[in-house]
Amino acid sequence: MDVEDMESASGSAENGDAGYFEPARVLIDGDAIVTIPEWLRIPYGTEKMKDNKMELNSLVMNYLLMEGYKDAADAFSRESNTPPNVSRSYLEERVQICMAVRNGDIVEALRLLNALDSGIMESFPNVYFKLKRQQLIEIIRSGDYVKAIEFAQLDLASFGEENKEYLNLLEESMALMIHSTPAKSSPFAHLMTKAHVESLCNELNSAIMSHFDLPECSGLQRMLQMIGFCQKSLTVDPTTHYAMSPLGQMQFTEFSELCVSR
């Protein structure tokens, strides 16, 4: 039985007054199948969520402010008439620090961090190490390998002596210098990508928020975490279901890919 057959079989479940379908089930080898059109029409499902623009706008505003996108948040607030829904405390500082990291100016980022609160890096030594490691990567990116070796010996060697994981990460960074074009030919080329820098900015942003007892992640991120947890939990249930996979792309998989037999 394919999706079209299942939709036909569940047609009697339509509720004309409410505008929704009851969550019909079609049993196949002991597995309950719910089609995508049916799932979208279940009360409190995505159809109702799409109609509630205020809640969606609030989620977007929360995300923009939590992630430090100040200009985007201001523009979105004006265009959607959505007021800020989280504290803007330390927003400007977080924007400046992350911008320095994105620009490759780790020295400036560390200066701004110390000016904000010198205890942040003491509270989050892992983030502090990653910042210093990024400083090494930026030196390697500039092509000054002599300076990179000196910096690693003077500023990073002590981290490796105290922590084996730090040592492994440091060795990966140093391995970039083996290749003449590390950003293209090195097996660790991902360390020189924008995605790597953004990941560091996210960790840094969360550390600052946590240090000042503010929420570490946005409501949108928590919602996606909950969806991921629920989807993972459903895989141990004999009910076959649709899921968003990969989660970040909001694409639904075919039911056959998620069939769980009794």
C-alpha atoms as a PDB file:
ATOM      1  CA  MET A   1       0.000   0.000   0.000  1.00  0.00           C
ATOM      2  CA  ASP A   2       1.434   3.374  -0.983  1.00  0.00           C
ATOM      3  CA  VAL A   3       0.779   6.867   0.361  1.00  0.00           C
ATOM      4  CA  GLU A   4      -2.019   7.495  -2.161  1.00  0.00           C
ATOM      5  CA  ASP A   5      -3.832   4.318  -1.053  1.00  0.00           C
ATOM      6  CA  MET A   6      -3.505   5.330   2.584  1.00  0.00           C
ATOM      7  CA  GLU A   7      -4.925   8.800   1.890  1.00  0.00           C
ATOM      8  CA  SER A   8      -7.909   7.176   0.172  1.00  0.00           C
ATOM      9  CA  ALA A   9      -8.413   4.776   3.066  1.00  0.00           C
ATOM     10  CA  SER A  10      -8.407   7.594   5.586  1.00  0.00           C
ATOM     11  CA  GLY A  11     -10.829   9.865   3.700  1.00  0.00           C
ATOM     12  CA  SER A  12     -13.715   8.986   6.028  1.00  0.00           C
ATOM     13  CA  ALA A  13     -11.849  10.591   8.914  1.00  0.00           C
ATOM     14  CA  GLU A  14     -12.404  14.124   7.608  1.00  0.00           C
ATOM     15  CA  ASN A  15     -14.199  16.505   9.942  1.00  0.00           C
ATOM     16  CA  GLY A  16     -15.773  19.242   7.827  1.00  0.00           C
ATOM     17  CA  ASP A  17     -16.775  21.516  10.716  1.00  0.00           C
ATOM     18  CA  ALA A  18     -13.400  21.657  12.417  1.00  0.00           C
ATOM     19  CA  GLY A  19     -11.421  21.714   9.199  1.00  0.00           C
ATOM     20  CA  TYR A  20      -9.125  18.957  10.445  1.00  0.00           C
ATOM     21  CA  PHE A  21      -8.713  15.220   9.901  1.00  0.00           C
ATOM     22  CA  GLU A  22      -8.699  12.842  12.803  1.00  0.00           C
ATOM     23  CA  PRO A  23      -5.311  11.060  13.039  1.00  0.00           C
ATOM     24  CA  ALA A  24      -6.279   8.056  10.895  1.00  0.00           C
ATOM     25  CA  ARG A  25      -4.268   4.848  11.112  1.00  0.00           C
ATOM     26  CA  VAL A  26      -3.679   2.205   8.442  1.00  0.00           C
ATOM     27  CA  LEU A  27      -2.179  -1.043   9.706  1.00  0.00           C
ATOM     28  CA  ILE A  28       0.550  -2.659   7.614  1.00  0.00           C
ATOM     29  CA  ASP A  29       2.171  -5.766   9.069  1.00  0.00           C
ATOM     30  CA  GLY A  30       1.267  -4.589  12.551  1.00  0.00           C
ATOM     31  CA  ASP A  31       2.602  -1.067  11.990  1.00  0.00           C
ATOM     32  CA  ALA A  32       0.420   2.052  12.190  1.00  0.00           C
ATOM     33  CA  ILE A  33       1.021   4.499   9.335  1.00  0.00           C
ATOM     34  CA  VAL A  34       0.057   8.170   9.444  1.00  0.00           C
ATOM     35  CA  THR A  35       0.366  10.036   6.140  1.00  0.00           C
ATOM     36  CA  ILE A  36       1.896  13.492   5.879  1.00  0.00           C
ATOM     37  CA  PRO A  37      -1.373  15.196   4.769  1.00  0.00           C
ATOM     38  CA  GLU A  38      -3.162  13.621   7.750  1.00  0.00           C
ATOM     39  CA  TRP A  39      -0.434  14.614  10.200  1.00  0.00           C
ATOM     40  CA  LEU A  40      -0.530  18.198   8.967  1.00  0.00           C
ATOM     41  CA  ARG A  41      -4.266  18.345   9.628  1.00  0.00           C
ATOM     42  CA  ILE A  42      -4.178  16.967  13.170  1.00  0.00           C
ATOM     43  CA  PRO A  43      -5.406  19.582  15.700  1.00  0.00           C
ATOM     44  CA  TYR A  44      -2.508  21.512  17.224  1.00  0.00           C
ATOM     45  CA  GLY A  45      -0.276  20.285  14.415  1.00  0.00           C
ATOM     46  CA  THR A  46       1.703  22.397  11.991  1.00  0.00           C
ATOM     47  CA  GLU A  47      -1.369  23.797  10.202  1.00  0.00           C
ATOM     48  CA  LYS A  48      -2.527  25.541  13.365  1.00  0.00           C
ATOM     49  CA  MET A  49       1.018  26.695  14.110  1.00  0.00           C
ATOM     50  CA  LYS A  50       1.336  28.297  10.671  1.00  0.00           C
ATOM     51  CA  ASP A  51      -1.828  30.308  11.349  1.00  0.00           C
ATOM     52  CA  ASN A  52      -0.454  31.728  14.550  1.00  0.00           C
ATOM     53  CA  LYS A  53       1.954  34.296  13.144  1.00  0.00           C
ATOM     54  CA  MET A  54       2.385  36.026  16.483  1.00  0.00           C
ATOM     55  CA  GLU A  55       3.899  32.928  18.064  1.00  0.00           C
ATOM     56  CA  LEU A  56       6.168  32.337  15.085  1.00  0.00           C
ATOM     57  CA  ASN A  57       7.290  35.971  15.045  1.00  0.00           C
ATOM     58  CA  SER A  58       8.004  35.745  18.756  1.00  0.00           C
ATOM     59  CA  LEU A  59      10.168  32.663  18.177  1.00  0.00           C
ATOM     60  CA  VAL A  60      12.113  34.425  15.428  1.00  0.00           C
ATOM     61  CA  MET A  61      12.636  37.543  17.555  1.00  0.00           C
ATOM     62  CA  ASN A  62      13.802  35.410  20.467  1.00  0.00           C
ATOM     63  CA  TYR A  63      16.307  33.616  18.227  1.00  0.00           C
ATOM     64  CA  LEU A  64      17.729  36.802  16.716  1.00  0.00           C
ATOM     65  CA  LEU A  65      18.282  38.433  20.107  1.00  0.00           C
ATOM     66  CA  MET A  66      19.688  35.305  21.744  1.00  0.00           C
ATOM     67  CA  GLU A  67      22.156  34.788  18.904  1.00  0.00           C
ATOM     68  CA  GLY A  68      23.248  38.426  18.956  1.00  0.00           C
ATOM     69  CA  TYR A  69      21.849  39.528  15.566  1.00  0.00           C
ATOM     70  CA  LYS A  70      21.012  43.014  16.791  1.00  0.00           C
ATOM     71  CA  ASP A  71      20.449  44.764  13.443  1.00  0.00           C
ATOM     72  CA  ALA A  72      18.341  41.894  12.113  1.00  0.00           C
ATOM     73  CA  ALA A  73      16.278  41.875  15.321  1.00  0.00           C
ATOM     74  CA  ASP A  74      15.644  45.623  15.084  1.00  0.00           C
ATOM     75  CA  ALA A  75      14.594  45.358  11.429  1.00  0.00           C
ATOM     76  CA  PHE A  76      12.359  42.353  12.127  1.00  0.00           C
ATOM     77  CA  SER A  77      10.751  44.165  15.074  1.00  0.00           C
ATOM     78  CA  ARG A  78       9.864  47.141  12.866  1.00  0.00           C
ATOM     79  CA  GLU A  79       8.539  45.087   9.958  1.00  0.00           C
ATOM     80  CA  SER A  80       6.540  42.536  11.977  1.00  0.00           C
ATOM     81  CA  ASN A  81       5.568  44.780  14.899  1.00  0.00           C
ATOM     82  CA  THR A  82       7.052  42.207  17.263  1.00  0.00           C
ATOM     83  CA  PRO A  83       8.440  43.601  20.530  1.00  0.00           C
ATOM     84  CA  PRO A  84      11.713  42.235  21.989  1.00  0.00           C
ATOM     85  CA  ASN A  85      10.873  39.282  24.218  1.00  0.00           C
ATOM     86  CA  VAL A  86      14.207  38.630  25.937  1.00  0.00           C
ATOM     87  CA  SER A  87      16.658  40.784  27.822  1.00  0.00           C
ATOM     88  CA  ARG A  88      18.945  42.841  25.628  1.00  0.00           C
ATOM     89  CA  SER A  89      21.553  42.791  28.396  1.00  0.00           C
ATOM     90  CA  TYR A  90      25.089  42.506  27.047  1.00  0.00           C
ATOM     91  CA  LEU A  91      23.702  42.281  23.494  1.00  0.00           C
ATOM     92  CA  GLU A  92      26.015  44.962  22.102  1.00  0.00           C
ATOM     93  CA  GLU A  93      29.015  43.394  23.823  1.00  0.00           C
ATOM     94  CA  ARG A  94      28.186  39.943  22.487  1.00  0.00           C
ATOM     95  CA  VAL A  95      27.803  41.357  18.968  1.00  0.00           C
ATOM     96  CA  GLN A  96      31.200  43.084  19.134  1.00  0.00           C
ATOM     97  CA  ILE A  97      32.989  40.036  20.530  1.00  0.00           C
ATOM     98  CA  CYS A  98      31.547  37.638  17.961  1.00  0.00           C
ATOM     99  CA  MET A  99      32.233  40.106  15.162  1.00  0.00           C
ATOM    100  CA  ALA A 100      35.897  40.235  16.203  1.00  0.00           C
ATOM    101  CA  VAL A 101      36.043  36.424  16.069  1.00  0.00           C
ATOM    102  CA  ARG A 102      34.420  36.373  12.615  1.00  0.00           C
ATOM    103  CA  ASN A 103      36.963  38.943  11.434  1.00  0.00           C
ATOM    104  CA  GLY A 104      39.821  36.773  12.685  1.00  0.00           C
ATOM    105  CA  ASP A 105      40.847  39.306  15.347  1.00  0.00           C
ATOM    106  CA  ILE A 106      41.024  36.995  18.354  1.00  0.00           C
ATOM    107  CA  VAL A 107      43.241  39.411  20.288  1.00  0.00           C
ATOM    108  CA  GLU A 108      40.465  42.005  20.131  1.00  0.00           C
ATOM    109  CA  ALA A 109      37.842  39.413  21.051  1.00  0.00           C
ATOM    110  CA  LEU A 110      39.825  38.444  24.157  1.00  0.00           C
ATOM    111  CA  ARG A 111      40.298  42.103  25.083  1.00  0.00           C
ATOM    112  CA  LEU A 112      36.566  42.733  24.832  1.00  0.00           C
ATOM    113  CA  LEU A 113      35.825  39.622  26.871  1.00  0.00           C
ATOM    114  CA  ASN A 114      38.147  40.698  29.662  1.00  0.00           C
ATOM    115  CA  ALA A 115      36.628  44.177  29.598  1.00  0.00           C
ATOM    116  CA  LEU A 116      33.146  42.675  29.916  1.00  0.00           C
ATOM    117  CA  ASP A 117      34.092  40.321  32.761  1.00  0.00           C
ATOM    118  CA  SER A 118      37.487  38.741  33.319  1.00  0.00           C
ATOM    119  CA  GLY A 119      35.834  35.797  35.044  1.00  0.00           C
ATOM    120  CA  ILE A 120      34.135  34.494  31.908  1.00  0.00           C
ATOM    121  CA  MET A 121      37.167  32.651  30.573  1.00  0.00           C
ATOM    122  CA  GLU A 122      37.973  31.329  34.047  1.00  0.00           C
ATOM    123  CA  SER A 123      34.474  29.868  34.230  1.00  0.00           C
ATOM    124  CA  PHE A 124      34.698  28.371  30.738  1.00  0.00           C
ATOM    125  CA  PRO A 125      38.282  27.152  30.186  1.00  0.00           C
ATOM    126  CA  ASN A 126      37.219  25.013  27.224  1.00  0.00           C
ATOM    127  CA  VAL A 127      35.936  28.086  25.372  1.00  0.00           C
ATOM    128  CA  TYR A 128      39.088  29.992  26.315  1.00  0.00           C
ATOM    129  CA  PHE A 129      41.246  27.233  24.833  1.00  0.00           C
ATOM    130  CA  LYS A 130      39.195  27.220  21.630  1.00  0.00           C
ATOM    131  CA  LEU A 131      39.650  30.964  21.299  1.00  0.00           C
ATOM    132  CA  LYS A 132      43.419  30.638  21.687  1.00  0.00           C
ATOM    133  CA  ARG A 133      43.372  27.757  19.233  1.00  0.00           C
ATOM    134  CA  GLN A 134      41.460  29.929  16.781  1.00  0.00           C
ATOM    135  CA  GLN A 135      44.132  32.565  17.195  1.00  0.00           C
ATOM    136  CA  LEU A 136      46.678  29.952  16.103  1.00  0.00           C
ATOM    137  CA  ILE A 137      44.508  29.007  13.113  1.00  0.00           C
ATOM    138  CA  GLU A 138      44.282  32.651  12.051  1.00  0.00           C
ATOM    139  CA  ILE A 139      48.083  32.966  12.190  1.00  0.00           C
ATOM    140  CA  ILE A 140      48.371  29.852  10.029  1.00  0.00           C
ATOM    141  CA  ARG A 141      45.806  31.324   7.651  1.00  0.00           C
ATOM    142  CA  SER A 142      48.054  34.387   7.253  1.00  0.00           C
ATOM    143  CA  GLY A 143      50.909  32.117   6.133  1.00  0.00           C
ATOM    144  CA  ASP A 144      53.314  33.089   8.931  1.00  0.00           C
ATOM    145  CA  TYR A 145      54.264  29.570  10.004  1.00  0.00           C
ATOM    146  CA  VAL A 146      57.241  30.688  12.094  1.00  0.00           C
ATOM    147  CA  LYS A 147      54.988  32.901  14.186  1.00  0.00           C
ATOM    148  CA  ALA A 148      52.437  30.079  14.419  1.00  0.00           C
ATOM    149  CA  ILE A 149      55.033  27.675  15.842  1.00  0.00           C
ATOM    150  CA  GLU A 150      56.242  30.262  18.347  1.00  0.00           C
ATOM    151  CA  PHE A 151      52.674  31.035  19.409  1.00  0.00           C
ATOM    152  CA  ALA A 152      51.855  27.350  19.857  1.00  0.00           C
ATOM    153  CA  GLN A 153      54.949  26.809  22.003  1.00  0.00           C
ATOM    154  CA  LEU A 154      54.452  29.874  24.204  1.00  0.00           C
ATOM    155  CA  ASP A 155      50.668  30.124  24.485  1.00  0.00           C
ATOM    156  CA  LEU A 156      49.199  26.692  23.827  1.00  0.00           C
ATOM    157  CA  ALA A 157      51.739  24.053  24.879  1.00  0.00           C
ATOM    158  CA  SER A 158      50.657  24.273  28.528  1.00  0.00           C
ATOM    159  CA  PHE A 159      47.071  23.401  27.561  1.00  0.00           C
ATOM    160  CA  GLY A 160      48.243  20.209  25.889  1.00  0.00           C
ATOM    161  CA  GLU A 161      50.334  19.215  28.890  1.00  0.00           C
ATOM    162  CA  GLU A 162      47.318  19.425  31.178  1.00  0.00           C
ATOM    163  CA  ASN A 163      44.676  17.915  28.922  1.00  0.00           C
ATOM    164  CA  LYS A 164      45.099  15.151  26.332  1.00  0.00           C
ATOM    165  CA  GLU A 165      42.016  16.267  24.405  1.00  0.00           C
ATOM    166  CA  TYR A 166      43.490  19.750  24.074  1.00  0.00           C
ATOM    167  CA  LEU A 167      46.734  18.189  22.860  1.00  0.00           C
ATOM    168  CA  ASN A 168      44.896  16.289  20.111  1.00  0.00           C
ATOM    169  CA  LEU A 169      43.086  19.433  19.007  1.00  0.00           C
ATOM    170  CA  LEU A 170      46.334  21.370  19.015  1.00  0.00           C
ATOM    171  CA  GLU A 171      48.039  18.715  16.877  1.00  0.00           C
ATOM    172  CA  GLU A 172      45.197  18.886  14.348  1.00  0.00           C
ATOM    173  CA  SER A 173      45.663  22.636  14.104  1.00  0.00           C
ATOM    174  CA  MET A 174      49.420  22.345  13.677  1.00  0.00           C
ATOM    175  CA  ALA A 175      48.900  19.743  10.950  1.00  0.00           C
ATOM    176  CA  LEU A 176      47.415  22.486   8.782  1.00  0.00           C
ATOM    177  CA  MET A 177      50.951  23.745   8.134  1.00  0.00           C
ATOM    178  CA  ILE A 178      51.949  20.524   6.395  1.00  0.00           C
ATOM    179  CA  HIS A 179      50.022  21.549   3.281  1.00  0.00           C
ATOM    180  CA  SER A 180      50.799  24.515   1.081  1.00  0.00           C
ATOM    181  CA  THR A 181      47.077  25.256   0.743  1.00  0.00           C
ATOM    182  CA  PRO A 182      45.640  24.015   4.058  1.00  0.00           C
ATOM    183  CA  ALA A 183      42.181  25.450   3.421  1.00  0.00           C
ATOM    184  CA  LYS A 184      41.836  23.138   0.393  1.00  0.00           C
ATOM    185  CA  SER A 185      44.140  20.142   0.701  1.00  0.00           C
ATOM    186  CA  SER A 186      44.437  19.483   4.439  1.00  0.00           C
ATOM    187  CA  PRO A 187      42.308  16.743   6.042  1.00  0.00           C
ATOM    188  CA  PHE A 188      41.627  19.358   8.736  1.00  0.00           C
ATOM    189  CA  ALA A 189      40.542  22.041   6.285  1.00  0.00           C
ATOM    190  CA  HIS A 190      37.224  22.350   8.104  1.00  0.00           C
ATOM    191  CA  LEU A 191      39.103  24.271  10.818  1.00  0.00           C
ATOM    192  CA  MET A 192      39.492  27.135   8.362  1.00  0.00           C
ATOM    193  CA  THR A 193      35.858  27.324   7.279  1.00  0.00           C
ATOM    194  CA  LYS A 194      33.219  29.884   8.217  1.00  0.00           C
ATOM    195  CA  ALA A 195      31.156  27.085   9.729  1.00  0.00           C
ATOM    196  CA  HIS A 196      33.933  26.381  12.240  1.00  0.00           C
ATOM    197  CA  VAL A 197      34.106  30.055  13.183  1.00  0.00           C
ATOM    198  CA  GLU A 198      30.324  30.247  13.592  1.00  0.00           C
ATOM    199  CA  SER A 199      30.391  27.199  15.849  1.00  0.00           C
ATOM    200  CA  LEU A 200      32.958  28.933  18.054  1.00  0.00           C
ATOM    201  CA  CYS A 201      30.842  32.109  18.124  1.00  0.00           C
ATOM    202  CA  ASN A 202      27.828  30.075  19.246  1.00  0.00           C
ATOM    203  CA  GLU A 203      29.801  28.490  22.078  1.00  0.00           C
ATOM    204  CA  LEU A 204      31.191  31.863  23.087  1.00  0.00           C
ATOM    205  CA  ASN A 205      27.763  33.476  23.016  1.00  0.00           C
ATOM    206  CA  SER A 206      26.316  30.691  25.186  1.00  0.00           C
ATOM    207  CA  ALA A 207      29.195  31.018  27.656  1.00  0.00           C
ATOM    208  CA  ILE A 208      28.575  34.753  28.065  1.00  0.00           C
ATOM    209  CA  MET A 209      24.845  34.232  28.545  1.00  0.00           C
ATOM    210  CA  SER A 210      25.395  31.454  31.069  1.00  0.00           C
ATOM    211  CA  HIS A 211      27.959  33.498  32.992  1.00  0.00           C
ATOM    212  CA  PHE A 212      25.373  36.233  33.557  1.00  0.00           C
ATOM    213  CA  ASP A 213      22.603  33.724  34.402  1.00  0.00           C
ATOM    214  CA  LEU A 214      20.743  34.368  31.146  1.00  0.00           C
ATOM    215  CA  PRO A 215      19.166  31.666  28.909  1.00  0.00           C
ATOM    216  CA  GLU A 216      21.880  29.879  26.927  1.00  0.00           C
ATOM    217  CA  CYS A 217      19.810  29.029  23.860  1.00  0.00           C
ATOM    218  CA  SER A 218      16.750  30.368  22.075  1.00  0.00           C
ATOM    219  CA  GLY A 219      13.220  29.017  22.205  1.00  0.00           C
ATOM    220  CA  LEU A 220      13.556  27.901  18.586  1.00  0.00           C
ATOM    221  CA  GLN A 221      16.639  25.847  19.420  1.00  0.00           C
ATOM    222  CA  ARG A 222      14.900  24.265  22.406  1.00  0.00           C
ATOM    223  CA  MET A 223      11.892  23.429  20.218  1.00  0.00           C
ATOM    224  CA  LEU A 224      14.112  21.696  17.660  1.00  0.00           C
ATOM    225  CA  GLN A 225      15.837  19.781  20.460  1.00  0.00           C
ATOM    226  CA  MET A 226      12.442  18.631  21.720  1.00  0.00           C
ATOM    227  CA  ILE A 227      11.379  17.557  18.210  1.00  0.00           C
ATOM    228  CA  GLY A 228      14.618  15.604  17.828  1.00  0.00           C
ATOM    229  CA  PHE A 229      14.118  13.939  21.206  1.00  0.00           C
ATOM    230  CA  CYS A 230      10.501  13.013  20.390  1.00  0.00           C
ATOM    231  CA  GLN A 231      11.455  11.587  16.999  1.00  0.00           C
ATOM    232  CA  LYS A 232      14.199   9.518  18.581  1.00  0.00           C
ATOM    233  CA  SER A 233      11.779   8.276  21.242  1.00  0.00           C
ATOM    234  CA  LEU A 234       9.246   7.249  18.585  1.00  0.00           C
ATOM    235  CA  THR A 235      11.745   4.918  16.936  1.00  0.00           C
ATOM    236  CA  VAL A 236      11.357   2.471  19.827  1.00  0.00           C
ATOM    237  CA  ASP A 237       7.558   2.433  19.388  1.00  0.00           C
ATOM    238  CA  PRO A 238       5.876   0.072  16.885  1.00  0.00           C
ATOM    239  CA  THR A 239       4.065   3.055  15.313  1.00  0.00           C
ATOM    240  CA  THR A 240       5.596   4.066  12.011  1.00  0.00           C
ATOM    241  CA  HIS A 241       5.702   7.817  11.635  1.00  0.00           C
ATOM    242  CA  TYR A 242       6.915  10.651   9.458  1.00  0.00           C
ATOM    243  CA  ALA A 243       9.832  12.681  10.714  1.00  0.00           C
ATOM    244  CA  MET A 244      11.838  15.705   9.665  1.00  0.00           C
ATOM    245  CA  SER A 245      15.180  14.434   8.442  1.00  0.00           C
ATOM    246  CA  PRO A 246      17.596  16.084   8.362  1.00  0.00           C
ATOM    247  CA  LEU A 247      15.958  18.102  11.111  1.00  0.00           C
ATOM    248  CA  GLY A 248      17.568  21.412  10.169  1.00  0.00           C
ATOM    249  CA  GLN A 249      16.146  21.280   6.624  1.00  0.00           C
ATOM    250  CA  MET A 250      12.559  20.617   7.762  1.00  0.00           C
ATOM    251  CA  GLN A 251      12.132  17.861   5.153  1.00  0.00           C
ATOM    252  CA  PHE A 252       9.932  14.820   5.751  1.00  0.00           C
ATOM    253  CA  THR A 253      11.239  11.310   5.142  1.00  0.00           C
ATOM    254  CA  GLU A 254       9.203   8.550   3.513  1.00  0.00           C
ATOM    255  CA  PHE A 255       7.325   6.389   5.974  1.00  0.00           C
ATOM    256  CA  SER A 256       9.084   3.269   4.700  1.00  0.00           C
ATOM    257  CA  GLU A 257      12.420   4.626   5.933  1.00  0.00           C
ATOM    258  CA  LEU A 258      11.112   4.780   9.474  1.00  0.00           C
ATOM    259  CA  CYS A 259       9.102   1.537   9.639  1.00  0.00           C
ATOM    260  CA  VAL A 260       9.597  -0.187  12.979  1.00  0.00           C
ATOM    261  CA  SER A 261       8.334  -3.765  13.190  1.00  0.00           C
ATOM    262  CA  ARG A 262       6.953  -5.406  16.270  1.00  0.00           C
END
